[in-house]
Protein backbone atom coordinates (compact mmCIF):
# COMPACT_ATOMS: atom_id res chain seq x y z
CA UNK A 1 149.64 76.81 150.41
CA UNK A 2 146.98 77.13 153.11
CA UNK A 3 148.59 80.06 154.37
CA UNK A 4 148.52 81.46 151.17
CA UNK A 5 144.77 80.71 150.48
CA UNK A 6 144.13 81.98 154.02
CA UNK A 7 145.85 85.28 152.92
CA UNK A 8 143.85 85.65 149.78
CA UNK A 9 140.72 84.64 151.17
CA UNK A 10 140.83 87.27 153.81
CA UNK A 11 141.55 89.65 151.39
CA UNK A 12 138.71 88.13 148.94
CA UNK A 13 136.26 88.20 151.70
CA UNK A 14 137.58 91.80 153.10
CA UNK A 15 137.40 93.21 149.54
CA UNK A 16 133.79 91.96 148.65
CA UNK A 17 132.65 93.49 152.13
CA UNK A 18 134.09 96.64 151.62
CA UNK A 19 133.00 97.21 148.46
CA UNK A 20 129.40 96.10 149.38
CA UNK A 21 129.56 98.51 152.62
CA UNK A 22 131.24 101.40 150.78
CA UNK A 23 128.50 101.51 148.47
CA UNK A 24 125.73 101.39 150.69
CA UNK A 25 127.32 103.87 152.48
CA UNK A 26 127.70 106.05 148.87
CA UNK A 27 123.82 105.42 147.98
CA UNK A 28 123.13 106.63 151.81
CA UNK A 29 125.72 109.94 151.28
CA UNK A 30 123.94 110.81 148.14
CA UNK A 31 120.30 110.27 149.37
CA UNK A 32 121.41 112.49 152.95
CA UNK A 33 122.95 114.86 150.74
CA UNK A 34 119.92 115.41 148.68
CA UNK A 35 117.88 115.70 150.94
CA UNK A 36 119.80 118.56 152.78
CA UNK A 37 119.77 120.21 149.96
CA UNK A 38 116.39 120.07 149.34
CA UNK A 39 115.55 121.15 153.02
CA UNK A 40 117.78 123.94 152.40
CA UNK A 41 116.33 125.23 149.20
CA UNK A 42 112.50 124.87 150.84
CA UNK A 43 113.40 126.40 154.17
CA UNK A 44 115.21 129.54 152.45
CA UNK A 45 111.61 129.74 149.95
CA UNK A 46 109.72 129.88 153.02
CA UNK A 47 111.89 132.23 154.82
CA UNK A 48 111.83 134.38 151.92
CA UNK A 49 108.27 133.94 151.37
CA UNK A 50 107.48 134.92 155.03
CA UNK A 51 110.08 138.60 154.51
CA UNK A 52 107.70 139.06 151.30
CA UNK A 53 104.56 139.13 153.38
CA UNK A 54 106.25 141.46 155.85
CA UNK A 55 107.29 143.40 153.11
CA UNK A 56 103.69 143.49 151.48
CA UNK A 57 101.95 144.02 154.54
CA UNK A 58 104.67 147.02 156.15
CA UNK A 59 104.58 150.14 155.30
CA UNK A 60 107.48 151.18 157.53
CA UNK A 61 110.64 149.13 157.10
CA UNK A 62 113.00 149.14 160.30
CA UNK A 63 116.79 148.58 160.14
CA UNK A 64 116.40 146.46 163.09
CA UNK A 65 114.40 143.97 162.03
CA UNK A 66 116.22 143.99 158.71
CA UNK A 67 119.57 143.36 160.82
CA UNK A 68 117.74 141.14 162.69
CA UNK A 69 116.70 138.30 160.01
CA UNK A 70 120.24 139.10 158.17
CA UNK A 71 122.14 137.71 161.11
CA UNK A 72 119.55 135.38 162.74
CA UNK A 73 119.27 133.35 159.03
CA UNK A 74 122.77 134.44 157.39
CA UNK A 75 121.20 136.16 154.60
CA UNK A 76 122.26 138.73 152.23
CA UNK A 77 119.32 141.42 151.82
CA UNK A 78 119.34 144.49 149.26
CA UNK A 79 116.30 146.69 149.13
CA UNK A 80 115.47 149.48 146.45
CA UNK A 81 112.87 152.24 146.19
CA UNK A 82 112.20 152.43 142.63
CA UNK A 83 115.86 151.60 141.70
CA UNK A 84 117.19 153.60 144.42
CA UNK A 85 118.96 151.89 147.04
CA UNK A 86 117.86 152.01 150.36
CA UNK A 87 119.63 153.95 153.34
CA UNK A 88 120.02 150.39 154.87
CA UNK A 89 122.46 149.22 151.56
CA UNK A 90 124.71 152.07 152.53
CA UNK A 91 125.16 151.20 156.07
CA UNK A 92 125.57 147.58 155.43
CA UNK A 93 128.24 148.65 152.60
CA UNK A 94 131.47 146.19 152.00
CA UNK A 95 133.01 145.59 148.29
CA UNK A 96 132.28 141.77 148.94
CA UNK A 97 128.63 142.68 149.79
CA UNK A 98 127.99 144.92 146.88
CA UNK A 99 129.64 142.69 144.00
CA UNK A 100 127.49 140.30 145.31
CA UNK A 101 124.48 141.87 145.19
CA UNK A 102 125.49 143.33 141.81
CA UNK A 103 126.11 140.09 140.50
CA UNK A 104 122.88 139.04 141.64
CA UNK A 105 121.16 141.79 139.80
CA UNK A 106 122.90 140.76 136.31
CA UNK A 107 122.17 137.18 136.76
CA UNK A 108 118.32 137.96 137.04
CA UNK A 109 118.56 140.03 133.94
CA UNK A 110 120.60 137.86 131.97
CA UNK A 111 119.48 134.46 132.82
CA UNK A 112 116.18 134.78 133.67
CA UNK A 113 115.27 138.26 132.16
CA UNK A 114 113.96 139.69 135.49
CA UNK A 115 114.02 143.70 135.28
CA UNK A 116 112.14 146.20 137.80
CA UNK A 117 110.55 147.79 134.52
CA UNK A 118 108.61 145.05 134.38
CA UNK A 119 106.73 145.69 137.60
CA UNK A 120 106.37 149.48 136.97
CA UNK A 121 102.67 148.65 136.71
CA UNK A 122 100.98 149.17 140.06
CA UNK A 123 98.61 146.48 138.93
CA UNK A 124 101.13 143.49 138.53
CA UNK A 125 101.30 141.80 141.68
CA UNK A 126 104.60 140.46 143.37
CA UNK A 127 106.74 138.73 141.08
CA UNK A 128 109.06 136.13 142.69
CA UNK A 129 112.50 134.12 141.37
CA UNK A 130 114.54 131.86 143.13
CA UNK A 131 117.77 130.27 141.71
CA UNK A 132 121.49 129.43 142.40
CA UNK A 133 124.37 131.73 142.04
CA UNK A 134 127.51 130.58 141.18
CA UNK A 135 130.46 133.32 141.98
CA UNK A 136 133.70 132.74 140.18
CA UNK A 137 135.47 131.42 143.43
CA UNK A 138 132.76 128.65 143.24
CA UNK A 139 130.79 129.92 146.18
CA UNK A 140 127.36 129.33 146.05
CA UNK A 141 124.26 130.65 147.03
CA UNK A 142 120.59 130.81 146.92
CA UNK A 143 119.15 133.94 145.21
CA UNK A 144 115.56 135.19 145.13
CA UNK A 145 114.89 138.70 143.72
CA UNK A 146 110.95 139.77 143.88
CA UNK A 147 109.70 143.38 143.02
CA UNK A 148 106.72 144.21 145.42
CA UNK A 149 104.64 147.49 144.20
CA UNK A 150 103.30 149.65 146.50
CA UNK A 151 101.23 152.68 146.27
CA UNK A 152 103.27 154.96 143.44
CA UNK A 153 106.73 153.28 144.02
CA UNK A 154 107.57 149.77 144.01
CA UNK A 155 110.15 147.58 145.96
CA UNK A 156 112.63 145.39 144.77
CA UNK A 157 114.65 142.81 147.12
CA UNK A 158 117.40 140.26 146.89
CA UNK A 159 117.87 138.09 149.27
CA UNK A 160 121.24 135.92 149.44
CA UNK A 161 121.49 132.85 150.90
CA UNK A 162 125.33 131.53 151.23
CA UNK A 163 125.87 127.59 150.70
CA UNK A 164 129.25 127.38 152.36
CA UNK A 165 126.97 126.34 155.73
CA UNK A 166 125.47 123.64 154.12
CA UNK A 167 128.81 122.51 152.53
CA UNK A 168 130.71 122.46 155.43
CA UNK A 169 127.65 119.86 156.75
CA UNK A 170 127.81 118.28 153.85
CA UNK A 171 131.57 117.71 154.16
CA UNK A 172 131.36 116.97 157.94
CA UNK A 173 129.04 114.31 156.88
CA UNK A 174 131.08 112.57 154.20
CA UNK A 175 134.58 112.73 156.56
CA UNK A 176 132.20 110.79 159.07
CA UNK A 177 130.90 108.35 156.74
CA UNK A 178 134.49 107.52 155.12
CA UNK A 179 135.61 107.52 158.47
CA UNK A 180 133.40 104.98 159.39
CA UNK A 181 134.32 103.28 156.30
CA UNK A 182 137.70 102.84 156.54
CA UNK A 183 137.39 101.67 160.23
CA UNK A 184 134.84 99.10 159.36
CA UNK A 185 137.19 97.64 156.24
CA UNK A 186 140.01 97.61 159.28
CA UNK A 187 137.32 95.59 161.29
CA UNK A 188 136.46 93.83 158.18
CA UNK A 189 140.03 92.35 157.41
CA UNK A 190 140.38 91.64 161.36
CA UNK A 191 137.49 89.61 160.99
CA UNK A 192 138.28 88.00 157.96
CA UNK A 193 141.11 86.82 158.86
CA UNK A 194 140.42 85.42 161.85
CA UNK A 195 137.09 83.77 159.94
CA UNK A 196 138.66 82.56 157.48
CA UNK A 197 141.52 80.83 159.54
CA UNK A 198 138.96 78.92 161.64
CA UNK A 199 136.86 78.24 158.53
CA UNK A 200 140.05 76.70 157.19
CA UNK A 201 141.36 74.85 160.87
CA UNK A 202 138.99 71.61 159.32
CA UNK A 203 141.27 71.42 156.24
CA UNK A 204 144.48 72.19 157.73
CA UNK A 205 143.60 69.18 160.01
CA UNK A 206 142.73 67.06 157.83
CA UNK A 207 145.40 67.50 155.91
CA UNK A 208 147.68 67.01 158.33
CA UNK A 209 146.08 63.90 159.01
CA UNK A 210 146.20 63.02 155.60
CA UNK A 211 149.94 63.19 155.50
CA UNK A 212 150.20 61.40 158.76
CA UNK A 213 147.85 58.71 157.32
CA UNK A 214 150.30 58.31 153.55
CA UNK A 215 152.79 58.34 155.85
CA UNK A 216 151.85 55.28 158.10
CA UNK A 217 150.54 53.90 155.43
CA UNK A 218 153.90 53.94 153.49
CA UNK A 219 155.28 52.27 157.01
CA UNK A 220 153.17 49.82 157.06
CA UNK A 221 153.22 48.71 153.29
CA UNK A 222 157.17 48.98 153.46
CA UNK A 223 157.90 46.70 156.14
CA UNK A 224 155.92 43.47 154.55
CA UNK A 225 157.75 44.51 151.08
CA UNK A 226 161.27 44.83 152.81
CA UNK A 227 160.61 40.96 154.16
CA UNK A 228 159.20 40.17 150.56
CA UNK A 229 162.04 41.36 148.91
CA UNK A 230 164.70 40.38 151.19
CA UNK A 231 163.44 36.48 151.24
CA UNK A 232 163.21 36.61 147.45
CA UNK A 233 166.86 37.81 147.54
CA UNK A 234 167.50 34.63 149.98
CA UNK A 235 165.81 32.05 148.20
CA UNK A 236 168.35 32.11 144.93
CA UNK A 237 171.03 31.38 147.46
CA UNK A 238 169.19 29.20 150.20
CA UNK A 239 168.77 25.11 149.89
CA UNK A 240 165.68 23.50 149.10
CA UNK A 241 164.71 23.14 152.54
CA UNK A 242 165.18 26.97 153.67
CA UNK A 243 163.37 27.79 150.28
CA UNK A 244 160.12 26.66 151.60
CA UNK A 245 160.60 28.57 154.74
CA UNK A 246 160.77 31.66 152.82
CA UNK A 247 157.92 31.10 150.75
CA UNK A 248 155.67 30.73 153.66
CA UNK A 249 157.27 34.04 155.13
CA UNK A 250 156.33 36.05 151.63
CA UNK A 251 152.88 34.29 151.27
CA UNK A 252 152.40 35.31 154.72
CA UNK A 253 153.88 38.59 154.48
CA UNK A 254 151.69 38.95 151.05
CA UNK A 255 148.42 37.97 152.97
CA UNK A 256 149.50 41.17 155.04
CA UNK A 257 149.89 43.59 152.54
CA UNK A 258 146.68 42.43 151.27
CA UNK A 259 144.75 42.97 154.50
CA UNK A 260 146.14 46.62 154.61
CA UNK A 261 145.16 47.44 151.36
CA UNK A 262 141.76 46.11 151.53
CA UNK A 263 141.54 48.29 154.93
CA UNK A 264 143.00 51.54 153.05
CA UNK A 265 140.78 50.86 150.10
CA UNK A 266 137.32 50.61 152.55
CA UNK A 267 138.72 53.93 154.51
CA UNK A 268 139.07 55.25 151.01
CA UNK A 269 135.51 54.38 150.37
CA UNK A 270 134.30 56.27 153.15
CA UNK A 271 136.25 59.37 152.56
CA UNK A 272 135.13 59.62 149.16
CA UNK A 273 131.13 59.04 149.85
CA UNK A 274 131.78 55.38 147.69
CA UNK A 275 131.06 53.34 151.07
CA UNK A 276 127.80 51.19 149.72
CA UNK A 277 125.15 49.45 151.89
CA UNK A 278 123.20 46.38 151.15
CA UNK A 279 120.80 47.29 153.53
CA UNK A 280 118.38 44.61 154.57
CA UNK A 281 116.49 43.01 157.71
CA UNK A 282 119.03 42.08 160.04
CA UNK A 283 118.46 39.34 163.24
CA UNK A 284 121.52 40.75 165.72
CA UNK A 285 121.35 37.45 168.00
CA UNK A 286 121.96 35.11 165.09
CA UNK A 287 124.78 37.49 163.68
CA UNK A 288 126.75 37.50 167.21
CA UNK A 289 126.24 33.86 167.43
CA UNK A 290 127.68 33.07 163.97
CA UNK A 291 130.86 35.83 164.76
CA UNK A 292 131.39 33.54 168.04
CA UNK A 293 131.58 30.60 166.48
CA UNK A 294 133.93 31.92 164.08
CA UNK A 295 136.22 32.76 166.62
CA UNK A 296 136.04 30.31 169.02
CA UNK A 297 138.80 28.50 167.77
CA UNK A 298 141.19 31.33 168.44
CA UNK A 299 140.03 31.80 171.55
CA UNK A 300 140.36 28.35 172.35
CA UNK A 301 144.25 28.36 171.50
CA UNK A 302 144.68 31.01 174.22
CA UNK A 303 142.44 29.31 176.85
CA UNK A 304 139.85 32.16 176.86
CA UNK A 305 136.54 31.40 177.51
CA UNK A 306 133.73 33.24 174.71
CA UNK A 307 130.37 33.39 176.09
CA UNK A 308 127.31 35.10 174.03
CA UNK A 309 124.54 36.52 176.17
CA UNK A 310 121.22 37.14 174.89
CA UNK A 311 117.41 38.60 175.59
CA UNK A 312 114.96 36.08 176.62
CA UNK A 313 112.15 37.99 174.66
CA UNK A 314 112.56 37.83 170.76
CA UNK A 315 114.70 39.81 169.35
CA UNK A 316 113.47 43.02 167.16
CA UNK A 317 115.51 43.05 163.69
CA UNK A 318 117.46 46.22 162.87
CA UNK A 319 117.86 47.47 159.01
CA UNK A 320 122.01 47.14 158.03
CA UNK A 321 124.13 45.57 156.04
CA UNK A 322 124.74 41.84 157.53
CA UNK A 323 128.05 41.51 156.30
CA UNK A 324 129.35 44.71 157.19
CA UNK A 325 128.17 44.66 161.09
CA UNK A 326 129.98 40.89 160.73
CA UNK A 327 132.81 42.87 160.06
CA UNK A 328 132.78 45.25 163.00
CA UNK A 329 132.19 42.09 165.26
CA UNK A 330 135.17 40.86 163.51
CA UNK A 331 137.02 43.62 164.60
CA UNK A 332 136.02 43.72 168.07
CA UNK A 333 136.36 40.25 168.62
CA UNK A 334 139.86 40.09 166.97
CA UNK A 335 141.09 42.91 169.13
CA UNK A 336 140.16 41.80 172.36
CA UNK A 337 141.62 37.99 171.60
CA UNK A 338 145.07 39.84 171.18
CA UNK A 339 145.05 41.84 173.81
CA UNK A 340 143.24 39.54 176.61
CA UNK A 341 145.63 37.33 178.75
CA UNK A 342 145.75 33.71 178.45
CA UNK A 343 143.10 32.36 180.86
CA UNK A 344 140.74 35.27 180.53
CA UNK A 345 137.17 35.68 179.22
CA UNK A 346 135.26 37.71 176.20
CA UNK A 347 131.64 38.26 176.25
CA UNK A 348 129.26 39.33 173.60
CA UNK A 349 126.15 40.67 175.18
CA UNK A 350 122.71 42.06 173.17
CA UNK A 351 120.18 44.11 174.86
CA UNK A 352 116.55 45.20 173.21
CA UNK A 353 115.68 48.88 174.31
CA UNK A 354 112.62 51.13 173.32
CA UNK A 355 113.91 52.27 169.98
CA UNK A 356 117.70 50.60 169.73
CA UNK A 357 119.45 47.45 170.13
CA UNK A 358 123.13 47.25 171.83
CA UNK A 359 125.97 44.77 171.72
CA UNK A 360 128.44 45.01 173.75
CA UNK A 361 132.05 43.28 173.46
CA UNK A 362 133.92 43.11 176.81
CA UNK A 363 137.48 41.08 177.58
CA UNK A 364 139.43 40.75 180.98
CA UNK A 365 142.54 42.31 179.17
CA UNK A 366 144.39 45.77 180.34
CA UNK A 367 141.57 47.63 179.90
CA UNK A 368 141.80 51.30 177.53
CA UNK A 369 143.82 54.18 180.00
CA UNK A 370 141.76 56.94 179.71
CA UNK A 371 144.44 59.23 177.92
CA UNK A 372 144.02 57.15 174.81
CA UNK A 373 140.56 56.16 175.35
CA UNK A 374 139.53 58.76 172.67
CA UNK A 375 142.80 58.36 170.36
CA UNK A 376 142.12 54.60 169.54
CA UNK A 377 139.72 55.62 166.81
CA UNK A 378 142.28 57.51 165.17
CA UNK A 379 143.81 55.89 161.64
CA UNK A 380 147.21 54.03 162.39
CA UNK A 381 146.72 54.79 166.05
CA UNK A 382 148.34 51.47 168.09
CA UNK A 383 148.03 51.98 172.06
CA UNK A 384 150.46 48.91 172.46
CA UNK A 385 152.93 49.25 170.07
CA UNK A 386 154.39 45.65 170.88
CA UNK A 387 151.39 44.75 168.42
CA UNK A 388 153.38 46.90 165.50
CA UNK A 389 154.74 43.62 163.76
CA UNK A 390 151.13 41.55 164.04
CA UNK A 391 148.19 41.75 161.32
CA UNK A 392 146.94 44.88 163.76
CA UNK A 393 147.33 48.13 161.49
CA UNK A 394 145.80 50.66 163.61
CA UNK A 395 142.94 50.75 161.00
CA UNK A 396 140.20 48.39 162.33
CA UNK A 397 138.48 50.65 164.53
CA UNK A 398 138.55 53.83 162.46
CA UNK A 399 136.63 51.34 159.84
CA UNK A 400 134.19 49.97 162.49
CA UNK A 401 133.22 53.58 163.52
CA UNK A 402 132.59 54.40 159.79
CA UNK A 403 130.49 51.22 159.06
CA UNK A 404 128.46 51.78 162.32
CA UNK A 405 128.25 55.63 161.67
CA UNK A 406 126.89 54.64 157.92
CA UNK A 407 124.22 52.50 159.86
CA UNK A 408 123.21 55.56 161.99
CA UNK A 409 124.54 53.77 165.10
CA UNK A 410 127.29 54.99 167.32
CA UNK A 411 130.27 52.77 169.01
CA UNK A 412 132.56 53.92 172.04
CA UNK A 413 134.93 52.45 174.39
CA UNK A 414 134.62 52.08 178.02
CA UNK A 415 136.51 50.47 180.92
CA UNK A 416 133.35 49.85 182.43
CA UNK A 417 133.78 46.06 181.74
CA UNK A 418 131.97 43.45 184.03
CA UNK A 419 135.20 41.45 183.27
CA UNK A 420 137.42 44.26 184.14
CA UNK A 421 138.89 44.91 181.00
CA UNK A 422 138.01 47.05 178.07
CA UNK A 423 134.18 47.03 176.63
CA UNK A 424 132.96 48.12 173.19
CA UNK A 425 128.83 49.51 172.94
CA UNK A 426 127.53 49.46 169.68
CA UNK A 427 123.93 50.79 169.38
CA UNK A 428 121.33 49.98 166.12
CA UNK A 429 118.39 52.01 165.74
CA UNK A 430 115.50 49.11 165.25
CA UNK A 431 113.81 48.60 161.99
């Protein structure tokens, strides 16, 4: 499922960003091409104006000057005197050149009504037309035609500028743009592939955790359920004395299932942001004394010494849910009593700092190996598998962590206990 979603997200991200990139490229290309065409046309008109100015002021036109203009600017120039082609046109004669110039004359007459007779009057000034000439083979030219009145005659000039170099430049520019776009789309696909995979990693990890969570929960629920069903089956064949024993087993396993279900519901509330707190001013010194009093009988059964250390000064209170914080202390004390050997020690301590309160629950148990000190906060994780048949499901510490986090506090474990075992440290902000 995630693999399919990964591919879909990769294609979607590549498609959307690719469309945006190509669209911007097309807009840029069109703008650039328009600028190239405008600049080419303006440059052509400026060159034609320079040519006409030179012709108006010159009484002698040299072949060298005309040839230089054609070669350097890639123009085709045709001159006639009172309609008679000058010798330059004869020297430069070619069928293609003559056809282009003849077509230009026809276009000037048919499309623009521009003909020599319009300027036979010497009093008429120079007249010029510039337009685009389309040949049958779709080749385009800028064409400028002009009549220049002289003393007793007039010059007619046609200047053609082939647009093939401009079109070749535009074509190269398009190829460059679309090549870059193609490479950009490939890079976008590669980036999207790794980016979306990185985005889906938390989801994949969460999915794996959920699968593991469901499997572990199913296993934990199946164990007491199996005992209950087998006890019920045995009760039908047992005598009255044994029936009482089976009833106690059913009651014990039912209570075990109830604790597990309550823990699962607590974690479900946390996961779905339905975990509510009844915030009020909490006096942690009182809370520690009450918690120690509740667990003192359990500690005495294992000959464990349970002590509480409080500061000499008055303790400031913090904002919190007293019942939830008591639940955290109960989890930590229950674990400490379970893992502390007979004759050991457990210490509850409270410290006040500048902007927070600190609670420590230390024991003289075996401690927590460094390799497992982060894993103990995982759901259903038990470092000591021998406790699997007891009331510990590996959900207590994850619940404690979520409760403290909801109080904007921190909780962590360490092996720096003054008793030689593990120590759990809680920090809570002051009110």
